[in-house]
Amino acid sequence: MARDPAPLPMPLESGLFDLLKMEAVLLTRDRVVIRMPVDKRVHQPYGLLHGGATLALAETAASVGTVFHLDPAREVAVGMEINANHLRPKRDGVITATATPLHSGRTTVVWDVRVTDEDDRLVAISRCTVAKISRRA
């Protein structure tokens, strides 16, 4: 995995990241790439990728990327708003979220997240706003 030289101030391999078997591919200030397998753990009742699992991947990529836009000694990143368009059904294989910042401000970072399949076809697009909040909050 490629990443900026500074270590992330939080573990990735825990919680939802671990549960959904996400894998960090690239972690930088201007681009975050995380992939996730599509199997029965993330299916809805008809055997297709659940939209909520797609959004979990998209928000994870945006939140992890926001860590590079804040002061980790004083701030943490938390999801504030997310929307998505699901464009293609997926039953199996792997999906990859690529997040790039559209805006980085004092209190928020807005991300464009593109979720693709193994053939680089769009599965979903998302915009995610991540808040930078005080560690004391």
Protein backbone atom coordinates (compact mmCIF):
# COMPACT_ATOMS: atom_id res chain seq x y z
CA MET A 1 0.00 0.00 0.00
CA ALA A 2 1.26 3.48 -0.85
CA ARG A 3 0.70 6.28 1.64
CA ASP A 4 2.00 9.67 2.65
CA PRO A 5 5.05 9.38 4.96
CA ALA A 6 3.17 10.51 8.08
CA PRO A 7 1.50 7.61 9.92
CA LEU A 8 -2.26 7.68 10.30
CA PRO A 9 -3.25 8.64 13.86
CA MET A 10 -5.81 5.83 14.02
CA PRO A 11 -5.86 2.12 13.20
CA LEU A 12 -7.58 1.10 9.98
CA GLU A 13 -7.78 -2.60 10.63
CA SER A 14 -10.66 -2.50 13.12
CA GLY A 15 -14.41 -2.00 13.23
CA LEU A 16 -16.31 -1.80 9.94
CA PHE A 17 -13.09 -1.67 7.92
CA ASP A 18 -12.16 -5.11 9.25
CA LEU A 19 -15.70 -6.51 9.25
CA LEU A 20 -16.20 -5.71 5.57
CA LYS A 21 -12.64 -6.84 4.72
CA MET A 22 -11.66 -3.49 3.23
CA GLU A 23 -8.10 -3.05 2.03
CA ALA A 24 -6.24 0.24 1.72
CA VAL A 25 -4.50 0.53 -1.64
CA LEU A 26 -3.40 4.18 -1.61
CA LEU A 27 -3.59 6.75 1.18
CA THR A 28 -2.55 10.33 0.37
CA ARG A 29 -3.88 13.84 0.95
CA ASP A 30 -5.18 14.11 -2.63
CA ARG A 31 -6.28 10.55 -3.37
CA VAL A 32 -7.50 7.62 -1.30
CA VAL A 33 -8.13 4.19 -2.82
CA ILE A 34 -9.78 1.44 -0.78
CA ARG A 35 -11.20 -1.83 -2.08
CA MET A 36 -13.71 -4.30 -0.68
CA PRO A 37 -14.80 -7.79 -1.74
CA VAL A 38 -18.41 -8.31 -2.79
CA ASP A 39 -19.83 -11.50 -1.30
CA LYS A 40 -22.81 -12.66 0.79
CA ARG A 41 -21.74 -10.47 3.74
CA VAL A 42 -22.59 -7.31 1.75
CA HIS A 43 -25.57 -8.59 -0.26
CA GLN A 44 -29.15 -7.41 0.02
CA PRO A 45 -31.88 -10.12 -0.04
CA TYR A 46 -31.74 -10.54 -3.86
CA GLY A 47 -28.05 -11.40 -3.87
CA LEU A 48 -26.87 -7.99 -5.07
CA LEU A 49 -24.43 -5.58 -3.45
CA HIS A 50 -26.28 -3.62 -0.76
CA GLY A 51 -26.23 0.13 -1.30
CA GLY A 52 -25.41 0.65 2.35
CA ALA A 53 -22.24 -1.42 1.98
CA THR A 54 -21.24 0.70 -1.03
CA LEU A 55 -21.80 3.85 1.03
CA ALA A 56 -19.82 2.39 3.94
CA LEU A 57 -16.87 1.96 1.57
CA ALA A 58 -17.29 5.47 0.12
CA GLU A 59 -17.53 7.14 3.54
CA THR A 60 -14.56 5.17 4.81
CA ALA A 61 -12.42 6.41 1.92
CA ALA A 62 -13.51 10.03 2.51
CA SER A 63 -13.05 9.84 6.28
CA VAL A 64 -9.60 8.29 6.03
CA GLY A 65 -8.60 10.93 3.49
CA THR A 66 -9.78 13.71 5.78
CA VAL A 67 -7.19 12.66 8.35
CA PHE A 68 -4.57 14.15 6.01
CA HIS A 69 -6.45 17.49 6.11
CA LEU A 70 -6.60 17.99 9.87
CA ASP A 71 -4.40 18.36 12.92
CA PRO A 72 -4.52 14.84 14.40
CA ALA A 73 -3.42 16.08 17.83
CA ARG A 74 -6.51 18.30 18.07
CA GLU A 75 -9.09 17.01 15.57
CA VAL A 76 -10.84 13.87 14.33
CA ALA A 77 -12.78 13.18 11.13
CA VAL A 78 -16.47 12.24 11.24
CA GLY A 79 -18.93 11.74 8.41
CA MET A 80 -21.43 14.58 8.12
CA GLU A 81 -23.35 13.95 4.88
CA ILE A 82 -23.26 11.42 2.08
CA ASN A 83 -25.26 10.83 -1.07
CA ALA A 84 -24.87 8.40 -3.90
CA ASN A 85 -26.16 7.18 -7.20
CA HIS A 86 -25.98 3.43 -7.65
CA LEU A 87 -25.30 2.85 -11.34
CA ARG A 88 -24.57 -0.84 -11.83
CA PRO A 89 -25.55 -3.97 -9.85
CA LYS A 90 -22.79 -6.18 -8.52
CA ARG A 91 -23.04 -9.78 -7.25
CA ASP A 92 -19.44 -10.76 -6.62
CA GLY A 93 -15.85 -9.75 -7.16
CA VAL A 94 -14.31 -6.54 -5.82
CA ILE A 95 -15.30 -2.90 -5.77
CA THR A 96 -12.85 -0.04 -5.38
CA ALA A 97 -13.56 3.42 -4.00
CA THR A 98 -11.36 6.27 -5.22
CA ALA A 99 -11.85 9.46 -3.24
CA THR A 100 -10.52 12.88 -4.25
CA PRO A 101 -11.13 16.11 -2.34
CA LEU A 102 -13.30 18.76 -3.98
CA HIS A 103 -12.94 21.27 -1.13
CA SER A 104 -10.82 21.38 2.02
CA GLY A 105 -11.88 24.05 4.47
CA ARG A 106 -11.41 24.93 8.11
CA THR A 107 -14.19 22.63 9.39
CA THR A 108 -15.11 20.31 6.51
CA VAL A 109 -13.68 18.40 3.57
CA VAL A 110 -15.96 17.53 0.63
CA TRP A 111 -15.02 14.43 -1.35
CA ASP A 112 -15.89 13.02 -4.75
CA VAL A 113 -15.92 9.23 -4.50
CA ARG A 114 -16.10 6.94 -7.50
CA VAL A 115 -16.79 3.25 -6.89
CA THR A 116 -15.74 0.95 -9.72
CA ASP A 117 -15.61 -2.77 -10.48
CA GLU A 118 -12.67 -4.89 -11.65
CA ASP A 119 -13.17 -3.64 -15.23
CA ASP A 120 -13.09 0.01 -14.11
CA ARG A 121 -16.83 0.40 -14.77
CA LEU A 122 -18.70 2.76 -12.47
CA VAL A 123 -20.78 0.96 -9.85
CA ALA A 124 -21.66 4.12 -7.90
CA ILE A 125 -20.74 7.76 -7.49
CA SER A 126 -20.90 9.58 -4.20
CA ARG A 127 -20.25 12.94 -2.62
CA CYS A 128 -19.30 12.86 1.04
CA THR A 129 -18.80 15.75 3.45
CA VAL A 130 -16.58 14.96 6.43
CA ALA A 131 -16.45 17.26 9.46
CA LYS A 132 -13.27 18.06 11.31
CA ILE A 133 -14.23 18.18 14.99
CA SER A 134 -12.31 18.80 18.19
CA ARG A 135 -11.04 15.71 20.01
CA ARG A 136 -12.76 17.13 23.12
CA ALA A 137 -16.23 17.03 21.53
